[in-house]
Amino acid sequence: MGRRVIQQGISREPVSRGMIRSFDAGDGRKLDALVAGDSNSKTALVCHHGTPSDATIWSDWHDDALDNKLLLVAISRPGYALSDRKRGRTVSSVSEDVEDVLDSLEVNDFVTIGWSGGGPHALACGALIPDRCKAVSSLAGVGPYGQPDLDFLEGMGPENVEEFGIALEGEEALRKWMEEHAEPYRSIADDELAEALGGLVPEIDVIALNDQGLASAWAGSMRRCFTNGWEGWIDDDLAFSNHWGFEPSEITVPVTVWQGNLDLMVPFSHGEWLLKHIPTAKPRLEEGHGHLSLVADRRQAIIDDLTSYLN
């Protein structure tokens, strides 16, 4: 079923919904993962968190997975939370980690969701594990850098423009920037998050944070994701600034591209680019939604669409 024999995961800590477990990757790294939903299912809902974040951002989706008889699996990417760093990783590197964890859980088939920076990682699963991945949902997912028909920074809030500009200068510059600007996220309170995000959140996303419960989940995930420093965030940004390790045009499994036109973290043009270059993609371009409200308001529709490919 997989490429290697992987040691069974060991329970680490309970969360409000599900269990954080540690798994061994094939190269000996430790992988921090949330396992929730239907523990008896042999089909998984694999969820990829945004940037920066960790696996626990998906704990609120436990009931969605349970209702659809799916095992929810979310992996903190290398360098985040308790996942060991994998220096030089690309977006495509995620496919091996996903297979390692699913093999440990004796699960074969899966559908996958990627939110924001998790979008390309979900697409990587569709491109590189098509025998196991049955469908992909890209939720406000970032497009690839360096494309002649995508202005990567156009329409982003000023904070993201600054961050990605620094990322293009390399790891040393990016680390210095994070040490100077990102320290408050290590201990950020739920009610401080909207203000901290500044020009990245339009009013509709502020409502999603403060009135629809996303602030608690996201702030908690941020506090945990920096357990061992900035490596996960640094390596995500470097991976986004380089070739993904696969071509979106190579994807053959069904893909749904969800994108809000008010998004200031990942602009609408990124979703349009993905639709243009993924031959199996269908659009869910949502007027009046931002980066966060899209997920808060369209969650049931996202689940229904994704699980329809399992029927």
Protein backbone atom coordinates (compact mmCIF):
# COMPACT_ATOMS: atom_id res chain seq x y z
CA MET A 1 0.00 0.00 0.00
CA GLY A 2 2.89 2.37 0.71
CA ARG A 3 6.57 2.71 -0.05
CA ARG A 4 8.03 1.81 3.33
CA VAL A 5 7.20 0.08 6.59
CA ILE A 6 6.56 2.83 9.13
CA GLN A 7 6.41 2.48 12.90
CA GLN A 8 2.97 2.97 14.41
CA GLY A 9 2.18 6.43 15.74
CA ILE A 10 2.26 7.04 19.47
CA SER A 11 -0.35 9.16 21.25
CA ARG A 12 1.04 12.46 22.44
CA GLU A 13 -1.73 14.66 23.76
CA PRO A 14 -5.51 14.98 23.61
CA VAL A 15 -7.08 18.07 22.11
CA SER A 16 -10.67 19.23 22.34
CA ARG A 17 -11.60 16.94 19.46
CA GLY A 18 -9.25 14.16 18.46
CA MET A 19 -5.74 13.21 19.50
CA ILE A 20 -2.33 14.61 18.66
CA ARG A 21 -0.05 11.73 17.75
CA SER A 22 3.58 11.36 16.72
CA PHE A 23 4.47 9.34 13.62
CA ASP A 24 7.80 8.30 12.16
CA ALA A 25 8.52 9.48 8.64
CA GLY A 26 10.49 7.20 6.36
CA ASP A 27 13.64 9.28 6.83
CA GLY A 28 13.44 9.13 10.63
CA ARG A 29 11.81 12.52 11.25
CA LYS A 30 8.97 12.85 13.75
CA LEU A 31 5.64 14.03 12.37
CA ASP A 32 3.12 15.78 14.59
CA ALA A 33 -0.43 14.96 13.50
CA LEU A 34 -4.04 15.35 14.58
CA VAL A 35 -6.13 12.18 14.25
CA ALA A 36 -9.87 12.65 14.72
CA GLY A 37 -13.21 11.75 13.12
CA ASP A 38 -14.27 8.13 12.58
CA SER A 39 -11.53 5.92 14.02
CA ASN A 40 -12.98 2.86 12.27
CA SER A 41 -12.87 4.35 8.79
CA LYS A 42 -10.41 3.23 6.16
CA THR A 43 -10.93 6.42 4.16
CA ALA A 44 -9.34 9.66 5.34
CA LEU A 45 -10.01 13.36 5.13
CA VAL A 46 -6.46 14.74 4.94
CA CYS A 47 -6.30 18.41 5.92
CA HIS A 48 -3.41 20.80 5.23
CA HIS A 49 -3.10 23.88 7.44
CA GLY A 50 -2.21 27.38 6.33
CA THR A 51 0.92 29.47 6.87
CA PRO A 52 1.71 29.80 9.71
CA SER A 53 -0.37 27.26 11.62
CA ASP A 54 -0.38 23.61 12.69
CA ALA A 55 -2.54 20.50 12.65
CA THR A 56 -4.79 21.58 15.53
CA ILE A 57 -6.47 24.26 13.39
CA TRP A 58 -8.57 21.38 12.00
CA SER A 59 -9.81 19.99 15.34
CA ASP A 60 -13.19 21.72 14.88
CA TRP A 61 -13.75 19.59 11.77
CA HIS A 62 -13.95 16.41 13.87
CA ASP A 63 -17.75 16.23 13.67
CA ASP A 64 -17.73 16.85 9.91
CA ALA A 65 -15.42 13.88 9.42
CA LEU A 66 -17.40 11.74 11.87
CA ASP A 67 -20.72 12.51 10.16
CA ASN A 68 -19.24 11.40 6.83
CA LYS A 69 -17.54 8.29 8.25
CA LEU A 70 -14.07 9.65 7.53
CA LEU A 71 -10.89 9.53 9.58
CA LEU A 72 -9.58 13.07 9.88
CA VAL A 73 -5.80 13.32 9.52
CA ALA A 74 -3.97 16.66 9.71
CA ILE A 75 -0.17 16.81 9.76
CA SER A 76 1.84 19.75 11.06
CA ARG A 77 4.28 20.39 8.23
CA PRO A 78 7.99 19.94 9.03
CA GLY A 79 9.26 22.62 11.39
CA TYR A 80 5.83 23.43 12.83
CA ALA A 81 4.76 22.40 16.35
CA LEU A 82 6.39 19.03 17.16
CA SER A 83 7.20 18.01 13.56
CA ASP A 84 10.93 17.85 12.92
CA ARG A 85 12.29 20.24 10.33
CA LYS A 86 13.05 19.04 6.82
CA ARG A 87 15.52 21.56 5.46
CA GLY A 88 15.13 22.31 1.76
CA ARG A 89 11.66 20.80 1.48
CA THR A 90 9.49 21.66 -1.48
CA VAL A 91 5.72 21.69 -1.71
CA SER A 92 5.86 18.21 -3.25
CA SER A 93 7.66 16.83 -0.17
CA VAL A 94 4.33 16.65 1.63
CA SER A 95 3.18 13.65 -0.41
CA GLU A 96 5.71 11.33 1.24
CA ASP A 97 4.74 12.46 4.73
CA VAL A 98 1.05 11.92 3.97
CA GLU A 99 1.72 8.41 2.69
CA ASP A 100 3.85 7.59 5.73
CA VAL A 101 1.11 8.61 8.17
CA LEU A 102 -1.69 6.93 6.21
CA ASP A 103 0.35 3.72 6.00
CA SER A 104 0.79 3.78 9.77
CA LEU A 105 -2.95 4.16 10.19
CA GLU A 106 -3.60 1.41 7.60
CA VAL A 107 -5.68 3.80 5.52
CA ASN A 108 -5.48 3.81 1.74
CA ASP A 109 -7.94 6.16 0.03
CA PHE A 110 -8.42 9.80 0.98
CA VAL A 111 -9.81 13.14 -0.07
CA THR A 112 -7.90 16.26 0.84
CA ILE A 113 -8.39 19.91 1.76
CA GLY A 114 -5.76 22.62 1.78
CA TRP A 115 -6.45 26.06 3.23
CA SER A 116 -4.31 29.02 2.18
CA GLY A 117 -0.67 27.86 2.29
CA GLY A 118 -2.05 24.35 2.60
CA GLY A 119 -3.66 24.63 -0.84
CA PRO A 120 -0.53 23.79 -2.86
CA HIS A 121 0.18 20.88 -0.51
CA ALA A 122 -3.28 19.43 -1.11
CA LEU A 123 -2.71 19.84 -4.85
CA ALA A 124 0.62 18.02 -4.50
CA CYS A 125 -1.26 15.01 -3.12
CA GLY A 126 -3.59 15.07 -6.10
CA ALA A 127 -0.68 15.30 -8.52
CA LEU A 128 1.68 12.79 -6.91
CA ILE A 129 -0.60 10.22 -5.20
CA PRO A 130 -3.49 9.93 -7.68
CA ASP A 131 -4.01 6.23 -6.92
CA ARG A 132 -4.96 7.11 -3.33
CA CYS A 133 -6.19 10.71 -3.51
CA LYS A 134 -9.76 10.81 -4.84
CA ALA A 135 -10.39 14.58 -4.85
CA VAL A 136 -8.88 17.90 -3.78
CA SER A 137 -10.36 21.10 -2.37
CA SER A 138 -8.17 24.20 -2.55
CA LEU A 139 -9.54 26.75 -0.06
CA ALA A 140 -8.14 30.19 -0.83
CA GLY A 141 -4.99 28.38 -1.93
CA VAL A 142 -1.91 30.25 -3.06
CA GLY A 143 -0.78 29.94 -6.68
CA PRO A 144 2.80 29.31 -7.81
CA TYR A 145 5.37 32.08 -7.81
CA GLY A 146 7.20 33.13 -10.96
CA GLN A 147 4.42 32.50 -13.50
CA PRO A 148 4.24 34.92 -16.44
CA ASP A 149 0.46 35.13 -16.19
CA LEU A 150 0.19 35.57 -12.39
CA ASP A 151 1.29 38.69 -10.54
CA PHE A 152 1.93 36.90 -7.26
CA LEU A 153 1.82 39.96 -4.97
CA GLU A 154 -0.85 42.04 -6.71
CA GLY A 155 -3.86 42.47 -4.43
CA MET A 156 -2.19 41.15 -1.26
CA GLY A 157 -2.29 43.12 1.97
CA PRO A 158 0.88 45.05 2.80
CA GLU A 159 2.03 42.56 5.43
CA ASN A 160 2.10 39.70 2.93
CA VAL A 161 3.77 41.83 0.27
CA GLU A 162 6.55 42.63 2.75
CA GLU A 163 6.90 39.01 3.92
CA PHE A 164 7.15 37.46 0.47
CA GLY A 165 9.49 40.19 -0.70
CA ILE A 166 11.84 39.24 2.14
CA ALA A 167 11.43 35.53 1.35
CA LEU A 168 12.88 36.13 -2.09
CA GLU A 169 16.09 37.31 -0.40
CA GLY A 170 16.59 33.89 1.21
CA GLU A 171 16.52 32.15 4.57
CA GLU A 172 18.83 34.48 6.52
CA ALA A 173 16.85 37.60 5.64
CA LEU A 174 13.55 35.84 6.30
CA ARG A 175 14.67 34.60 9.71
CA LYS A 176 15.77 38.10 10.72
CA TRP A 177 12.42 39.51 9.58
CA MET A 178 10.50 36.95 11.63
CA GLU A 179 12.58 37.57 14.73
CA GLU A 180 11.76 41.27 14.42
CA HIS A 181 8.08 41.02 13.47
CA ALA A 182 6.59 37.66 14.42
CA GLU A 183 7.47 37.22 18.10
CA PRO A 184 4.02 38.42 19.36
CA TYR A 185 2.33 35.46 17.64
CA ARG A 186 4.01 33.06 20.08
CA SER A 187 1.70 34.23 22.88
CA ILE A 188 -1.08 36.02 21.04
CA ALA A 189 -4.48 36.11 22.74
CA ASP A 190 -7.60 35.19 20.82
CA ASP A 191 -8.98 38.74 20.98
CA GLU A 192 -5.69 40.24 19.74
CA LEU A 193 -5.55 38.33 16.47
CA ALA A 194 -7.72 40.54 14.25
CA GLU A 195 -5.73 43.65 15.16
CA ALA A 196 -2.41 41.81 14.71
CA LEU A 197 -3.37 40.75 11.18
CA GLY A 198 -3.90 44.40 10.26
CA GLY A 199 -4.26 44.99 6.52
CA LEU A 200 -4.71 41.29 5.76
CA VAL A 201 -8.28 41.09 7.04
CA PRO A 202 -11.21 42.96 5.50
CA GLU A 203 -14.24 43.55 7.70
CA ILE A 204 -15.90 40.29 6.61
CA ASP A 205 -12.88 38.37 7.91
CA VAL A 206 -12.83 40.31 11.19
CA ILE A 207 -16.41 39.14 11.69
CA ALA A 208 -15.35 35.54 10.97
CA LEU A 209 -12.61 35.84 13.58
CA ASN A 210 -14.49 37.57 16.36
CA ASP A 211 -18.11 36.51 15.86
CA GLN A 212 -17.82 33.08 14.20
CA GLY A 213 -15.19 31.51 16.41
CA LEU A 214 -12.18 31.38 14.12
CA ALA A 215 -10.00 33.54 16.37
CA SER A 216 -9.82 30.92 19.10
CA ALA A 217 -8.88 28.09 16.74
CA TRP A 218 -6.34 30.10 14.76
CA ALA A 219 -4.69 31.89 17.69
CA GLY A 220 -4.34 28.59 19.55
CA SER A 221 -2.81 27.00 16.48
CA MET A 222 -0.35 29.88 16.11
CA ARG A 223 0.76 29.65 19.72
CA ARG A 224 1.45 25.94 19.29
CA CYS A 225 2.99 26.03 15.83
CA PHE A 226 6.01 28.05 17.01
CA THR A 227 6.94 25.54 19.73
CA ASN A 228 10.38 25.04 18.22
CA GLY A 229 10.92 28.35 16.45
CA TRP A 230 10.23 29.80 13.01
CA GLU A 231 11.49 26.92 10.86
CA GLY A 232 8.11 25.79 9.60
CA TRP A 233 7.09 29.28 8.52
CA ILE A 234 10.49 29.98 6.96
CA ASP A 235 10.48 26.74 4.99
CA ASP A 236 6.89 27.28 3.82
CA ASP A 237 7.76 30.71 2.43
CA LEU A 238 10.91 29.39 0.75
CA ALA A 239 8.91 26.52 -0.77
CA PHE A 240 6.28 28.93 -2.12
CA SER A 241 9.03 31.06 -3.64
CA ASN A 242 10.43 28.14 -5.62
CA HIS A 243 9.12 25.47 -7.98
CA TRP A 244 6.52 23.28 -6.30
CA GLY A 245 8.09 20.03 -7.54
CA PHE A 246 5.15 19.24 -9.83
CA GLU A 247 3.09 21.00 -12.45
CA PRO A 248 -0.56 21.81 -11.68
CA SER A 249 -1.33 20.83 -15.28
CA GLU A 250 -0.32 17.25 -14.36
CA ILE A 251 -3.21 16.82 -11.92
CA THR A 252 -5.77 14.26 -13.05
CA VAL A 253 -8.02 13.93 -9.98
CA PRO A 254 -11.04 16.22 -9.43
CA VAL A 255 -10.18 19.63 -7.94
CA THR A 256 -12.50 22.31 -6.60
CA VAL A 257 -11.04 25.81 -6.31
CA TRP A 258 -12.73 27.88 -3.59
CA GLN A 259 -11.82 31.57 -3.56
CA GLY A 260 -13.34 34.76 -2.18
CA ASN A 261 -13.07 38.00 -4.11
CA LEU A 262 -12.35 40.05 -0.96
CA ASP A 263 -9.35 37.96 0.08
CA LEU A 264 -6.31 40.09 1.00
CA MET A 265 -4.06 37.17 2.00
CA VAL A 266 -4.39 35.15 -1.20
CA PRO A 267 -5.93 37.34 -3.92
CA PHE A 268 -8.72 36.26 -6.26
CA SER A 269 -6.27 36.08 -9.15
CA HIS A 270 -4.56 33.07 -7.57
CA GLY A 271 -7.78 31.07 -7.74
CA GLU A 272 -8.34 32.19 -11.31
CA TRP A 273 -4.81 31.05 -12.22
CA LEU A 274 -5.36 27.61 -10.69
CA LEU A 275 -8.61 27.21 -12.60
CA LYS A 276 -6.88 28.09 -15.83
CA HIS A 277 -4.00 25.65 -15.38
CA ILE A 278 -5.53 22.61 -13.64
CA PRO A 279 -7.43 20.64 -16.29
CA THR A 280 -9.76 18.94 -13.78
CA ALA A 281 -10.58 22.06 -11.75
CA LYS A 282 -14.06 23.47 -11.24
CA PRO A 283 -14.74 26.94 -9.80
CA ARG A 284 -16.36 28.05 -6.57
CA LEU A 285 -15.49 31.71 -6.75
CA GLU A 286 -17.44 33.36 -3.96
CA GLU A 287 -18.48 37.01 -4.16
CA GLY A 288 -18.40 38.91 -0.88
CA HIS A 289 -16.05 36.56 0.92
CA GLY A 290 -12.53 36.90 2.26
CA HIS A 291 -9.84 34.45 3.31
CA LEU A 292 -11.55 33.45 6.56
CA SER A 293 -15.25 34.06 5.95
CA LEU A 294 -15.06 31.70 2.96
CA VAL A 295 -14.31 28.77 5.25
CA ALA A 296 -16.56 29.92 8.10
CA ASP A 297 -19.63 30.34 5.87
CA ARG A 298 -19.09 27.67 3.21
CA ARG A 299 -17.81 24.82 5.39
CA GLN A 300 -20.77 22.48 4.87
CA ALA A 301 -20.74 23.06 1.11
CA ILE A 302 -16.99 22.34 1.06
CA ILE A 303 -17.49 19.04 2.87
CA ASP A 304 -20.47 18.06 0.71
CA ASP A 305 -18.57 18.78 -2.49
CA LEU A 306 -15.49 16.83 -1.42
CA THR A 307 -17.35 13.78 -0.14
CA SER A 308 -19.45 13.60 -3.31
CA TYR A 309 -16.40 12.07 -5.01
CA LEU A 310 -16.53 9.12 -2.62
CA ASN A 311 -20.09 8.11 -3.49
